[in-house]
């Protein structure tokens, strides 16, 4: 997928990856081993989650001795938030127009003389 926003949504579709993002947001950095203990999955499984998050641009890694530490790079989240705000704004405008239409229709019908 070449759509950066789509890659972010794909990466965040998995609850374990959302946990990883939340953990990195709180702590700053973490290793696959640290998070594997918390998620009760293998270190390799967490490494695959990091790979998916990395493909979406959401994490970066760096070596510190024998460990690989991962850090959140939140910039791609801004694109996803912008997209959601844009779509939400369009829906708000459509719903406001619908409310106005329904409101004007109910006033017209309530003024109709009774036979």
C-alpha atoms as a PDB file:
ATOM      1  CA  UNK A   1       0.000   0.000   0.000  1.00  0.00           C
ATOM      2  CA  UNK A   2       1.407   3.394  -0.957  1.00  0.00           C
ATOM      3  CA  UNK A   3      -1.086   5.450   1.042  1.00  0.00           C
ATOM      4  CA  UNK A   4       0.702   6.575   4.255  1.00  0.00           C
ATOM      5  CA  UNK A   5      -2.580   7.108   6.114  1.00  0.00           C
ATOM      6  CA  UNK A   6      -3.768   3.651   5.089  1.00  0.00           C
ATOM      7  CA  UNK A   7      -0.533   2.118   6.378  1.00  0.00           C
ATOM      8  CA  UNK A   8      -1.093   3.825   9.750  1.00  0.00           C
ATOM      9  CA  UNK A   9      -4.634   2.465  10.002  1.00  0.00           C
ATOM     10  CA  UNK A  10      -3.467  -0.996   8.934  1.00  0.00           C
ATOM     11  CA  UNK A  11      -0.742  -0.958  11.583  1.00  0.00           C
ATOM     12  CA  UNK A  12      -3.116   0.224  14.309  1.00  0.00           C
ATOM     13  CA  UNK A  13      -5.792  -2.339  13.423  1.00  0.00           C
ATOM     14  CA  UNK A  14      -4.109  -4.911  15.691  1.00  0.00           C
ATOM     15  CA  UNK A  15      -4.726  -4.481  19.444  1.00  0.00           C
ATOM     16  CA  UNK A  16      -1.199  -5.674  20.307  1.00  0.00           C
ATOM     17  CA  UNK A  17       0.300  -2.998  18.079  1.00  0.00           C
ATOM     18  CA  UNK A  18      -1.931  -0.371  19.673  1.00  0.00           C
ATOM     19  CA  UNK A  19      -0.616  -1.539  23.048  1.00  0.00           C
ATOM     20  CA  UNK A  20       2.950  -1.199  21.769  1.00  0.00           C
ATOM     21  CA  UNK A  21       2.245   2.358  20.556  1.00  0.00           C
ATOM     22  CA  UNK A  22       0.688   3.278  23.913  1.00  0.00           C
ATOM     23  CA  UNK A  23       3.609   1.757  25.813  1.00  0.00           C
ATOM     24  CA  UNK A  24       6.159   3.655  23.721  1.00  0.00           C
ATOM     25  CA  UNK A  25       4.186   6.887  24.124  1.00  0.00           C
ATOM     26  CA  UNK A  26       4.304   6.487  27.917  1.00  0.00           C
ATOM     27  CA  UNK A  27       7.883   5.212  28.301  1.00  0.00           C
ATOM     28  CA  UNK A  28       9.785   6.720  25.424  1.00  0.00           C
ATOM     29  CA  UNK A  29      11.563   3.482  24.444  1.00  0.00           C
ATOM     30  CA  UNK A  30      11.228  -0.258  24.931  1.00  0.00           C
ATOM     31  CA  UNK A  31      12.683  -3.516  23.661  1.00  0.00           C
ATOM     32  CA  UNK A  32      10.812  -6.417  22.104  1.00  0.00           C
ATOM     33  CA  UNK A  33      11.773  -8.544  25.118  1.00  0.00           C
ATOM     34  CA  UNK A  34      10.270  -6.056  27.591  1.00  0.00           C
ATOM     35  CA  UNK A  35       6.982  -5.847  25.723  1.00  0.00           C
ATOM     36  CA  UNK A  36       6.785  -9.586  25.056  1.00  0.00           C
ATOM     37  CA  UNK A  37       6.653 -10.183  28.805  1.00  0.00           C
ATOM     38  CA  UNK A  38       3.718  -7.792  29.140  1.00  0.00           C
ATOM     39  CA  UNK A  39       1.804  -9.059  26.106  1.00  0.00           C
ATOM     40  CA  UNK A  40       2.452 -12.717  26.910  1.00  0.00           C
ATOM     41  CA  UNK A  41       3.621 -13.393  23.363  1.00  0.00           C
ATOM     42  CA  UNK A  42       7.054 -14.307  22.031  1.00  0.00           C
ATOM     43  CA  UNK A  43       9.778 -11.758  21.471  1.00  0.00           C
ATOM     44  CA  UNK A  44       9.629 -12.684  17.777  1.00  0.00           C
ATOM     45  CA  UNK A  45       5.913 -11.834  17.667  1.00  0.00           C
ATOM     46  CA  UNK A  46       6.625  -8.417  19.165  1.00  0.00           C
ATOM     47  CA  UNK A  47       9.477  -7.944  16.682  1.00  0.00           C
ATOM     48  CA  UNK A  48       6.954  -8.565  13.862  1.00  0.00           C
ATOM     49  CA  UNK A  49       4.633  -5.981  15.401  1.00  0.00           C
ATOM     50  CA  UNK A  50       7.540  -3.534  15.488  1.00  0.00           C
ATOM     51  CA  UNK A  51       8.233  -4.307  11.820  1.00  0.00           C
ATOM     52  CA  UNK A  52       4.614  -3.515  10.880  1.00  0.00           C
ATOM     53  CA  UNK A  53       4.714  -0.303  12.907  1.00  0.00           C
ATOM     54  CA  UNK A  54       8.038   0.575  11.296  1.00  0.00           C
ATOM     55  CA  UNK A  55       6.596   0.099   7.792  1.00  0.00           C
ATOM     56  CA  UNK A  56       3.905   2.617   8.730  1.00  0.00           C
ATOM     57  CA  UNK A  57       6.596   5.003   9.965  1.00  0.00           C
ATOM     58  CA  UNK A  58       5.352   4.817  13.551  1.00  0.00           C
ATOM     59  CA  UNK A  59       8.538   3.474  15.205  1.00  0.00           C
ATOM     60  CA  UNK A  60      12.266   3.757  14.762  1.00  0.00           C
ATOM     61  CA  UNK A  61      14.883   1.442  16.203  1.00  0.00           C
ATOM     62  CA  UNK A  62      18.417   1.918  17.446  1.00  0.00           C
ATOM     63  CA  UNK A  63      20.991  -0.470  18.796  1.00  0.00           C
ATOM     64  CA  UNK A  64      22.231  -0.047  22.351  1.00  0.00           C
ATOM     65  CA  UNK A  65      24.803  -2.731  22.988  1.00  0.00           C
ATOM     66  CA  UNK A  66      23.064  -6.063  22.514  1.00  0.00           C
ATOM     67  CA  UNK A  67      19.566  -4.586  22.607  1.00  0.00           C
ATOM     68  CA  UNK A  68      17.443  -2.970  19.974  1.00  0.00           C
ATOM     69  CA  UNK A  69      15.373  -0.185  21.479  1.00  0.00           C
ATOM     70  CA  UNK A  70      12.283   1.122  19.741  1.00  0.00           C
ATOM     71  CA  UNK A  71      10.928   4.634  19.905  1.00  0.00           C
ATOM     72  CA  UNK A  72       7.607   6.070  18.747  1.00  0.00           C
ATOM     73  CA  UNK A  73       7.670   8.461  15.793  1.00  0.00           C
ATOM     74  CA  UNK A  74       4.228  10.066  16.008  1.00  0.00           C
ATOM     75  CA  UNK A  75       4.359  12.194  12.838  1.00  0.00           C
ATOM     76  CA  UNK A  76       2.378   9.670  10.730  1.00  0.00           C
ATOM     77  CA  UNK A  77      -0.391   9.806  13.339  1.00  0.00           C
ATOM     78  CA  UNK A  78      -0.841  13.498  12.485  1.00  0.00           C
ATOM     79  CA  UNK A  79      -1.714  12.565   8.893  1.00  0.00           C
ATOM     80  CA  UNK A  80      -4.277  10.034  10.111  1.00  0.00           C
ATOM     81  CA  UNK A  81      -5.760  12.598  12.514  1.00  0.00           C
ATOM     82  CA  UNK A  82      -5.960  15.187   9.711  1.00  0.00           C
ATOM     83  CA  UNK A  83      -7.763  12.669   7.522  1.00  0.00           C
ATOM     84  CA  UNK A  84     -10.249  11.849  10.313  1.00  0.00           C
ATOM     85  CA  UNK A  85     -10.826  15.556  11.012  1.00  0.00           C
ATOM     86  CA  UNK A  86     -11.469  16.209   7.311  1.00  0.00           C
ATOM     87  CA  UNK A  87     -13.930  13.335   6.981  1.00  0.00           C
ATOM     88  CA  UNK A  88     -15.556  14.239  10.300  1.00  0.00           C
ATOM     89  CA  UNK A  89     -15.935  17.854   9.203  1.00  0.00           C
ATOM     90  CA  UNK A  90     -17.643  16.779   5.981  1.00  0.00           C
ATOM     91  CA  UNK A  91     -20.043  14.578   7.920  1.00  0.00           C
ATOM     92  CA  UNK A  92     -20.755  17.384  10.386  1.00  0.00           C
ATOM     93  CA  UNK A  93     -21.646  19.672   7.463  1.00  0.00           C
ATOM     94  CA  UNK A  94     -23.905  17.027   5.912  1.00  0.00           C
ATOM     95  CA  UNK A  95     -25.637  16.324   9.215  1.00  0.00           C
ATOM     96  CA  UNK A  96     -26.164  20.063   9.821  1.00  0.00           C
ATOM     97  CA  UNK A  97     -27.725  20.385   6.356  1.00  0.00           C
ATOM     98  CA  UNK A  98     -29.964  17.385   7.065  1.00  0.00           C
ATOM     99  CA  UNK A  99     -31.030  18.858  10.429  1.00  0.00           C
ATOM    100  CA  UNK A 100     -31.861  22.143   8.716  1.00  0.00           C
ATOM    101  CA  UNK A 101     -33.851  20.375   6.018  1.00  0.00           C
ATOM    102  CA  UNK A 102     -35.753  18.265   8.532  1.00  0.00           C
ATOM    103  CA  UNK A 103     -36.403  21.274  10.731  1.00  0.00           C
ATOM    104  CA  UNK A 104     -37.767  23.369   7.869  1.00  0.00           C
ATOM    105  CA  UNK A 105     -39.894  20.435   6.660  1.00  0.00           C
ATOM    106  CA  UNK A 106     -41.451  19.887  10.066  1.00  0.00           C
ATOM    107  CA  UNK A 107     -42.333  23.592  10.324  1.00  0.00           C
ATOM    108  CA  UNK A 108     -43.973  23.527   6.897  1.00  0.00           C
ATOM    109  CA  UNK A 109     -46.006  20.460   7.773  1.00  0.00           C
ATOM    110  CA  UNK A 110     -47.101  21.851  11.130  1.00  0.00           C
ATOM    111  CA  UNK A 111     -48.537  25.011   9.505  1.00  0.00           C
ATOM    112  CA  UNK A 112     -50.756  23.090   7.087  1.00  0.00           C
ATOM    113  CA  UNK A 113     -54.443  23.865   7.708  1.00  0.00           C
ATOM    114  CA  UNK A 114     -56.515  21.019   8.993  1.00  0.00           C
ATOM    115  CA  UNK A 115     -59.639  19.908   7.146  1.00  0.00           C
END
